[in-house]
Amino acid sequence: MGNDLTVIKLGGSLLTDKSKPYEARKAVIKSVTRELKTCVDEGLIKSLVAVQGVGSYGHPPILEHGLHKGFKGPEQLIPLSKTQRIVNEFREMVAGEFHLAGLPVNLLHPSSMVVAEKMRITKYFLDPLKGYLSLGMVPLLGGDMLYDTAMGFSVGSGDQLAVLLARELSAKRLIFAMDVAGIYTGNPKTDPKASVIKEVNLNETDKVLAQMGSSGTVDASGAIKGKLAAIAQVKDLVGAGLQVTLLSMMKQGNLLALLRGQTVACTHVVVK
């Protein structure tokens, strides 16, 4: 399982338009699932686990009802339940595209497998996931609200979950698929001079973040800081050969090119 396993995090910014509540990028979702199927058919991916962000399907109701602050009272329970239902509708949409592409996904809920403490995953039960993976299925886990021993409940981090799965399943590669080509020197959406950083050394992340911060990219550096903090949890594995890459899948072909060994705009995370 481990030597041939790919864990891919499909970002919420890739699958949805975060500037519009409940706006799925249906054409992109279709393209992403078809490209993953091609990678499997060509033998470039032997075994696959997918973690999807929920983007504009999760953030609006969570912020509206203050769910990111944890449990404050019983009046939050109906909004929590409705938020989970809205997110599940999106997860079902994504799962449907996997099915149409010919990939046998098994839709799993992190809230049934994972416990957090102050938004950090502390306990988990992965036997069902491992079992279905061994049968040849593609476990698909999405954004979820987790039971939190300190906060009552908290927003589950897809990045944190993907990194955890890469470690526990001894993955060969960990890929973060986004709406941008990787980590930039600035915010590529507002700074035309921003360029992709081809390689980030986990021993020099402070230097990278300082470089980004000097460009005034508060939002971008904040998001990237979270990803790098999550990836740092498997620094030992990266040093031992875990391949970690951040790239865009907004247009079909980038992942395929990467796995074929071709040149593609992306960021590789290394330890030197």
Protein backbone atom coordinates (compact mmCIF):
# COMPACT_ATOMS: atom_id res chain seq x y z
CA MET A 1 0.00 0.00 0.00
CA GLY A 2 2.48 2.60 1.19
CA ASN A 3 5.17 2.54 -1.49
CA ASP A 4 2.64 3.21 -4.25
CA LEU A 5 0.21 5.48 -2.41
CA THR A 6 -0.60 9.03 -3.44
CA VAL A 7 -2.46 11.33 -1.04
CA ILE A 8 -3.92 14.35 -2.83
CA LYS A 9 -5.52 17.36 -1.18
CA LEU A 10 -7.96 19.05 -3.56
CA GLY A 11 -8.18 22.59 -2.23
CA GLY A 12 -11.43 24.42 -1.63
CA SER A 13 -10.04 27.29 -3.72
CA LEU A 14 -9.67 24.84 -6.60
CA LEU A 15 -13.09 23.17 -6.37
CA THR A 16 -15.11 26.28 -5.52
CA ASP A 17 -15.11 30.01 -6.15
CA LYS A 18 -14.49 31.35 -2.66
CA SER A 19 -15.68 34.82 -3.66
CA LYS A 20 -19.23 33.49 -4.15
CA PRO A 21 -21.15 31.53 -1.49
CA TYR A 22 -22.03 27.98 -2.55
CA GLU A 23 -20.38 28.29 -5.98
CA ALA A 24 -18.87 25.04 -7.26
CA ARG A 25 -16.43 25.04 -10.14
CA LYS A 26 -18.16 22.16 -11.85
CA ALA A 27 -16.01 22.20 -14.98
CA VAL A 28 -12.85 22.11 -12.85
CA ILE A 29 -14.18 19.27 -10.69
CA LYS A 30 -14.93 17.30 -13.83
CA SER A 31 -11.48 18.02 -15.25
CA VAL A 32 -9.72 17.08 -12.00
CA THR A 33 -11.49 13.75 -11.62
CA ARG A 34 -10.86 12.81 -15.27
CA GLU A 35 -7.19 13.67 -14.94
CA LEU A 36 -6.87 11.55 -11.82
CA LYS A 37 -8.47 8.65 -13.72
CA THR A 38 -5.97 9.07 -16.55
CA CYS A 39 -3.11 9.00 -14.03
CA VAL A 40 -4.50 5.77 -12.59
CA ASP A 41 -5.02 4.23 -16.04
CA GLU A 42 -1.42 5.02 -17.03
CA GLY A 43 -0.12 3.45 -13.84
CA LEU A 44 1.25 6.76 -12.59
CA ILE A 45 -0.93 6.45 -9.49
CA LYS A 46 -1.21 2.94 -8.09
CA SER A 47 -3.26 3.71 -4.99
CA LEU A 48 -5.08 6.93 -4.11
CA VAL A 49 -6.59 8.77 -1.17
CA ALA A 50 -8.28 12.12 -1.85
CA VAL A 51 -9.01 14.86 0.67
CA GLN A 52 -11.22 17.66 -0.59
CA GLY A 53 -11.66 21.16 0.72
CA VAL A 54 -15.18 22.57 0.82
CA GLY A 55 -14.36 26.24 0.18
CA SER A 56 -17.41 28.40 -0.35
CA TYR A 57 -19.75 25.64 0.84
CA GLY A 58 -18.27 25.52 4.32
CA HIS A 59 -16.94 28.96 5.12
CA PRO A 60 -20.18 31.03 4.80
CA PRO A 61 -22.37 29.04 7.25
CA ILE A 62 -19.46 28.48 9.63
CA LEU A 63 -18.75 32.22 9.84
CA GLU A 64 -22.45 33.15 9.94
CA HIS A 65 -23.06 31.03 13.02
CA GLY A 66 -19.65 31.42 14.64
CA LEU A 67 -19.01 27.70 14.52
CA HIS A 68 -15.26 28.26 14.13
CA LYS A 69 -15.24 29.50 17.73
CA GLY A 70 -16.40 26.15 19.09
CA PHE A 71 -19.44 25.14 21.13
CA LYS A 72 -21.06 28.04 22.96
CA GLY A 73 -24.57 26.73 23.55
CA PRO A 74 -27.37 24.44 22.28
CA GLU A 75 -28.62 27.14 19.91
CA GLN A 76 -25.65 26.27 17.66
CA LEU A 77 -26.65 22.65 17.15
CA ILE A 78 -29.24 23.17 14.40
CA PRO A 79 -26.89 25.53 12.49
CA LEU A 80 -24.11 22.95 12.93
CA SER A 81 -26.35 20.23 11.57
CA LYS A 82 -27.43 22.39 8.62
CA THR A 83 -23.81 23.28 7.86
CA GLN A 84 -22.90 19.60 7.75
CA ARG A 85 -25.83 18.94 5.41
CA ILE A 86 -24.81 21.76 3.05
CA VAL A 87 -21.21 20.54 3.00
CA ASN A 88 -22.37 16.97 2.43
CA GLU A 89 -24.35 18.06 -0.62
CA PHE A 90 -21.14 19.43 -2.09
CA ARG A 91 -19.20 16.31 -1.12
CA GLU A 92 -21.82 14.20 -2.88
CA MET A 93 -21.43 16.37 -5.97
CA VAL A 94 -17.69 15.79 -6.01
CA ALA A 95 -18.13 12.07 -5.35
CA GLY A 96 -20.53 11.91 -8.28
CA GLU A 97 -17.88 13.28 -10.63
CA PHE A 98 -15.39 10.69 -9.36
CA HIS A 99 -17.96 8.01 -10.17
CA LEU A 100 -18.60 9.40 -13.65
CA ALA A 101 -14.85 9.40 -14.24
CA GLY A 102 -14.74 5.72 -13.32
CA LEU A 103 -13.03 6.02 -9.93
CA PRO A 104 -14.58 3.92 -7.12
CA VAL A 105 -14.57 6.45 -4.30
CA ASN A 106 -15.79 5.64 -0.82
CA LEU A 107 -17.07 8.82 0.78
CA LEU A 108 -15.86 8.89 4.39
CA HIS A 109 -16.53 11.48 7.11
CA PRO A 110 -13.57 12.65 9.19
CA SER A 111 -15.98 13.46 12.05
CA SER A 112 -16.61 9.71 12.38
CA MET A 113 -12.90 8.85 12.48
CA VAL A 114 -11.06 11.81 14.01
CA VAL A 115 -11.04 13.69 17.33
CA ALA A 116 -9.39 17.08 17.79
CA GLU A 117 -8.17 19.18 20.68
CA LYS A 118 -7.99 22.93 20.09
CA MET A 119 -8.23 22.32 16.33
CA ARG A 120 -5.36 19.82 16.30
CA ILE A 121 -6.03 16.18 15.44
CA THR A 122 -5.18 14.06 18.48
CA LYS A 123 -6.98 10.73 17.99
CA TYR A 124 -8.03 8.81 14.91
CA PHE A 125 -9.32 5.40 13.80
CA LEU A 126 -8.26 4.62 10.25
CA ASP A 127 -8.98 0.89 10.02
CA PRO A 128 -12.08 1.33 7.78
CA LEU A 129 -10.15 3.64 5.44
CA LYS A 130 -7.20 1.24 5.29
CA GLY A 131 -9.55 -1.66 4.64
CA TYR A 132 -11.35 -0.07 1.71
CA LEU A 133 -8.04 1.19 0.33
CA SER A 134 -6.70 -2.37 0.38
CA LEU A 135 -9.68 -3.47 -1.72
CA GLY A 136 -8.79 -0.96 -4.42
CA MET A 137 -11.26 1.78 -3.54
CA VAL A 138 -10.40 5.48 -3.37
CA PRO A 139 -11.22 6.90 0.07
CA LEU A 140 -12.59 10.44 -0.32
CA LEU A 141 -12.61 12.59 2.79
CA GLY A 142 -13.85 16.16 2.86
CA GLY A 143 -14.02 19.18 5.07
CA ASP A 144 -15.90 18.47 8.29
CA MET A 145 -16.65 19.71 11.78
CA LEU A 146 -14.77 17.56 14.27
CA TYR A 147 -15.60 16.71 17.86
CA ASP A 148 -13.09 18.71 19.89
CA THR A 149 -12.30 17.73 23.47
CA ALA A 150 -11.42 21.33 24.38
CA MET A 151 -13.83 23.36 22.19
CA GLY A 152 -16.79 21.00 21.85
CA PHE A 153 -16.37 21.06 18.10
CA SER A 154 -13.95 22.69 15.69
CA VAL A 155 -13.31 23.10 11.98
CA GLY A 156 -11.25 20.21 10.66
CA SER A 157 -8.20 21.18 8.59
CA GLY A 158 -8.01 19.31 5.29
CA ASP A 159 -4.29 20.11 5.05
CA GLN A 160 -3.69 18.68 8.50
CA LEU A 161 -5.72 15.58 7.64
CA ALA A 162 -3.87 15.01 4.36
CA VAL A 163 -0.53 15.21 6.14
CA LEU A 164 -1.71 12.82 8.85
CA LEU A 165 -2.85 10.30 6.23
CA ALA A 166 0.46 10.60 4.38
CA ARG A 167 2.26 9.62 7.57
CA GLU A 168 -0.09 6.90 8.81
CA LEU A 169 -0.41 5.27 5.38
CA SER A 170 3.30 5.59 4.49
CA ALA A 171 2.50 7.47 1.30
CA LYS A 172 4.94 7.82 -1.58
CA ARG A 173 3.76 11.31 -2.47
CA LEU A 174 1.62 14.08 -1.02
CA ILE A 175 0.14 16.56 -3.49
CA PHE A 176 -1.66 19.82 -2.76
CA ALA A 177 -3.78 20.75 -5.79
CA MET A 178 -4.76 24.42 -5.74
CA ASP A 179 -6.01 27.23 -7.95
CA VAL A 180 -2.47 28.63 -8.20
CA ALA A 181 0.76 26.98 -9.33
CA GLY A 182 2.36 26.64 -5.90
CA ILE A 183 4.03 28.99 -3.44
CA TYR A 184 4.82 32.42 -4.85
CA THR A 185 7.10 35.28 -3.90
CA GLY A 186 3.92 37.36 -3.57
CA ASN A 187 0.19 37.06 -4.12
CA PRO A 188 -0.19 35.99 -7.79
CA LYS A 189 -3.80 37.23 -7.84
CA THR A 190 -2.81 40.81 -7.08
CA ASP A 191 0.90 41.05 -7.88
CA PRO A 192 1.84 40.53 -11.54
CA LYS A 193 5.50 40.33 -10.57
CA ALA A 194 4.97 37.38 -8.23
CA SER A 195 6.78 34.25 -9.35
CA VAL A 196 6.57 30.59 -8.36
CA ILE A 197 9.14 29.40 -5.86
CA LYS A 198 10.27 26.12 -7.41
CA GLU A 199 11.63 24.60 -4.22
CA VAL A 200 10.96 25.29 -0.55
CA ASN A 201 13.32 23.92 2.09
CA LEU A 202 11.47 23.08 5.31
CA ASN A 203 14.59 24.17 7.17
CA GLU A 204 14.14 27.68 5.74
CA THR A 205 10.37 28.26 5.92
CA ASP A 206 10.80 31.43 7.99
CA LYS A 207 12.88 32.87 5.17
CA VAL A 208 10.21 32.01 2.60
CA LEU A 209 7.40 33.51 4.70
CA ALA A 210 9.46 36.66 5.31
CA GLN A 211 9.96 36.99 1.56
CA MET A 212 6.22 36.70 1.01
CA GLY A 213 5.43 39.05 3.88
CA SER A 214 7.62 41.75 2.36
CA SER A 215 5.22 41.77 -0.58
CA GLY A 216 2.28 42.58 1.68
CA THR A 217 0.54 39.30 0.92
CA VAL A 218 -1.13 38.90 4.28
CA ASP A 219 -3.87 36.52 3.14
CA ALA A 220 -1.64 34.47 0.86
CA SER A 221 1.17 34.10 3.36
CA GLY A 222 -1.35 33.21 6.07
CA ALA A 223 -2.77 30.39 3.99
CA ILE A 224 0.65 29.16 2.95
CA LYS A 225 1.91 29.38 6.52
CA GLY A 226 -0.85 26.97 7.51
CA LYS A 227 0.11 24.53 4.76
CA LEU A 228 3.80 24.69 5.61
CA ALA A 229 3.02 24.21 9.31
CA ALA A 230 1.03 21.10 8.44
CA ILE A 231 3.73 19.77 6.09
CA ALA A 232 6.37 20.39 8.76
CA GLN A 233 4.70 17.62 10.80
CA VAL A 234 6.16 15.11 8.31
CA LYS A 235 9.53 16.79 7.94
CA ASP A 236 11.23 13.52 8.85
CA LEU A 237 9.36 11.73 6.05
CA VAL A 238 10.19 14.44 3.53
CA GLY A 239 13.83 14.03 4.46
CA ALA A 240 13.45 10.28 3.96
CA GLY A 241 11.91 10.60 0.50
CA LEU A 242 8.23 11.59 0.76
CA GLN A 243 7.52 13.66 -2.35
CA VAL A 244 5.53 16.81 -1.49
CA THR A 245 4.35 19.08 -4.29
CA LEU A 246 2.01 22.07 -4.56
CA LEU A 247 0.58 22.78 -8.00
CA SER A 248 -2.45 24.09 -9.86
CA MET A 249 -5.10 21.80 -11.37
CA MET A 250 -7.23 24.63 -12.76
CA LYS A 251 -6.27 23.45 -16.23
CA GLN A 252 -6.10 19.80 -17.16
CA GLY A 253 -2.67 18.27 -17.68
CA ASN A 254 -0.49 19.68 -14.88
CA LEU A 255 -0.69 16.64 -12.62
CA LEU A 256 -0.23 14.29 -15.54
CA ALA A 257 2.87 16.19 -16.66
CA LEU A 258 4.29 16.17 -13.13
CA LEU A 259 3.88 12.41 -12.73
CA ARG A 260 5.30 11.79 -16.21
CA GLY A 261 8.44 13.61 -15.13
CA GLN A 262 7.85 16.61 -17.38
CA THR A 263 8.52 20.22 -16.45
CA VAL A 264 5.54 21.92 -14.86
CA ALA A 265 5.14 25.11 -12.84
CA CYS A 266 4.91 23.97 -9.21
CA THR A 267 6.60 24.06 -5.81
CA HIS A 268 8.45 21.06 -4.42
CA VAL A 269 8.92 20.87 -0.65
CA VAL A 270 12.26 19.40 0.43
CA VAL A 271 14.55 19.07 3.42
CA LYS A 272 18.19 20.08 2.94
